[in-house]
């Protein structure tokens, strides 16, 4: 599984979200809170890239190593996301609803892309072994 294939598909999704946020800012839907939405999108994208790197690295490894890296990476990423959210909300007074809402929308969109790619490549992996 190639890291570059994952990234190419994720950039398409990132461009869609960027266009939507740009439209929202031009129309003044989130006047002052638009930065919170951008941060939510950024956090979700970085989370996705880290997850893809772990999956790409572990794809050719034995199942035990792959699943350990996959679930361990997922746990570490959750902790990092919650830590970043805590810092942004507590110390920088970001609007919770906009930040968490944009993070959740982008997170689940990228997660869907991640799951679809894992499913697609696991079929190939099953045919190899």
Protein backbone atom coordinates (compact mmCIF):
# COMPACT_ATOMS: atom_id res chain seq x y z
CA UNK A 1 0.00 0.00 0.00
CA UNK A 2 1.52 3.26 -1.09
CA UNK A 3 1.50 6.32 1.12
CA UNK A 4 1.26 8.57 -1.97
CA UNK A 5 -2.00 6.93 -3.15
CA UNK A 6 -3.59 7.69 0.22
CA UNK A 7 -2.38 11.27 0.15
CA UNK A 8 -3.63 11.94 -3.36
CA UNK A 9 -7.16 10.92 -2.41
CA UNK A 10 -6.99 12.85 0.84
CA UNK A 11 -5.96 16.03 -0.96
CA UNK A 12 -9.15 15.88 -3.02
CA UNK A 13 -11.17 15.70 0.18
CA UNK A 14 -9.07 18.46 1.75
CA UNK A 15 -9.69 20.69 -1.28
CA UNK A 16 -13.46 20.15 -0.94
CA UNK A 17 -13.36 21.15 2.73
CA UNK A 18 -11.12 24.14 1.92
CA UNK A 19 -13.56 25.35 -0.73
CA UNK A 20 -16.48 24.98 1.70
CA UNK A 21 -14.69 26.90 4.46
CA UNK A 22 -13.70 29.60 1.99
CA UNK A 23 -17.32 29.95 0.91
CA UNK A 24 -18.40 30.13 4.56
CA UNK A 25 -15.85 32.88 5.22
CA UNK A 26 -16.85 34.90 2.16
CA UNK A 27 -20.51 34.68 3.14
CA UNK A 28 -19.65 35.61 6.77
CA UNK A 29 -21.45 32.57 8.19
CA UNK A 30 -18.84 32.15 10.92
CA UNK A 31 -17.48 35.71 10.99
CA UNK A 32 -15.05 35.53 13.92
CA UNK A 33 -15.10 31.78 14.46
CA UNK A 34 -13.76 30.77 11.05
CA UNK A 35 -10.30 30.12 12.51
CA UNK A 36 -11.77 27.50 14.80
CA UNK A 37 -13.17 25.70 11.76
CA UNK A 38 -9.79 25.87 10.01
CA UNK A 39 -8.05 24.48 13.09
CA UNK A 40 -10.57 21.62 13.28
CA UNK A 41 -9.91 20.77 9.64
CA UNK A 42 -6.16 20.96 10.19
CA UNK A 43 -6.25 18.69 13.22
CA UNK A 44 -8.36 16.12 11.34
CA UNK A 45 -6.03 16.20 8.33
CA UNK A 46 -2.86 15.80 10.40
CA UNK A 47 -4.53 12.96 12.29
CA UNK A 48 -5.36 11.30 8.96
CA UNK A 49 -1.81 11.69 7.61
CA UNK A 50 -0.32 10.14 10.76
CA UNK A 51 -2.80 7.26 10.55
CA UNK A 52 -2.01 6.67 6.89
CA UNK A 53 1.72 6.67 7.62
CA UNK A 54 1.21 4.01 10.29
CA UNK A 55 -1.02 1.92 8.01
CA UNK A 56 1.35 2.22 5.06
CA UNK A 57 4.31 1.24 7.22
CA UNK A 58 2.55 -1.76 8.75
CA UNK A 59 0.77 -3.03 5.67
CA UNK A 60 3.53 -5.44 4.61
CA UNK A 61 4.29 -6.52 8.19
CA UNK A 62 2.83 -9.62 9.87
CA UNK A 63 -0.72 -9.27 11.21
CA UNK A 64 0.35 -8.97 14.85
CA UNK A 65 2.68 -6.04 14.13
CA UNK A 66 0.18 -4.39 11.77
CA UNK A 67 -2.70 -4.49 14.26
CA UNK A 68 -0.48 -3.43 17.16
CA UNK A 69 0.73 -0.42 15.19
CA UNK A 70 -2.78 0.35 13.92
CA UNK A 71 -4.56 0.23 17.30
CA UNK A 72 -1.63 1.70 19.22
CA UNK A 73 -1.43 4.56 16.73
CA UNK A 74 -5.17 5.10 17.04
CA UNK A 75 -4.90 5.37 20.82
CA UNK A 76 -2.00 7.83 20.63
CA UNK A 77 -3.82 9.93 18.03
CA UNK A 78 -6.96 10.11 20.21
CA UNK A 79 -4.92 11.26 23.19
CA UNK A 80 -3.17 13.90 21.06
CA UNK A 81 -6.46 15.18 19.64
CA UNK A 82 -8.01 15.52 23.09
CA UNK A 83 -4.89 17.24 24.40
CA UNK A 84 -4.88 19.70 21.51
CA UNK A 85 -8.61 20.36 21.96
CA UNK A 86 -8.11 20.95 25.67
CA UNK A 87 -5.31 23.43 25.03
CA UNK A 88 -7.18 25.31 22.28
CA UNK A 89 -10.40 25.57 24.28
CA UNK A 90 -8.94 26.18 27.75
CA UNK A 91 -6.01 28.47 26.99
CA UNK A 92 -6.90 30.06 23.65
CA UNK A 93 -10.67 30.33 24.27
CA UNK A 94 -11.68 28.78 20.96
CA UNK A 95 -15.40 28.37 20.36
CA UNK A 96 -16.10 24.75 21.33
CA UNK A 97 -18.99 24.16 18.99
CA UNK A 98 -17.26 25.38 15.83
CA UNK A 99 -13.91 23.73 16.65
CA UNK A 100 -15.31 20.35 17.65
CA UNK A 101 -18.00 20.43 14.96
CA UNK A 102 -15.56 21.06 12.13
CA UNK A 103 -13.15 18.53 13.61
CA UNK A 104 -15.85 15.85 13.77
CA UNK A 105 -17.12 16.44 10.25
CA UNK A 106 -13.61 16.37 8.78
CA UNK A 107 -12.49 13.51 11.06
CA UNK A 108 -15.33 11.22 9.99
CA UNK A 109 -14.87 12.10 6.32
CA UNK A 110 -11.16 11.28 6.48
CA UNK A 111 -11.91 8.19 8.58
CA UNK A 112 -14.32 6.98 5.91
CA UNK A 113 -11.60 7.42 3.30
CA UNK A 114 -9.12 5.59 5.55
CA UNK A 115 -11.48 2.66 6.16
CA UNK A 116 -12.34 2.38 2.48
CA UNK A 117 -8.66 2.25 1.53
CA UNK A 118 -7.87 -0.29 4.25
CA UNK A 119 -10.74 -2.48 3.05
CA UNK A 120 -9.65 -2.15 -0.58
CA UNK A 121 -6.04 -3.04 0.13
CA UNK A 122 -6.85 -5.77 2.65
CA UNK A 123 -8.50 -7.68 -0.17
CA UNK A 124 -5.23 -7.45 -2.11
CA UNK A 125 -3.30 -8.48 0.99
CA UNK A 126 -5.58 -11.50 1.46
CA UNK A 127 -4.99 -12.62 -2.14
CA UNK A 128 -1.22 -12.39 -1.64
CA UNK A 129 -1.15 -14.56 1.49
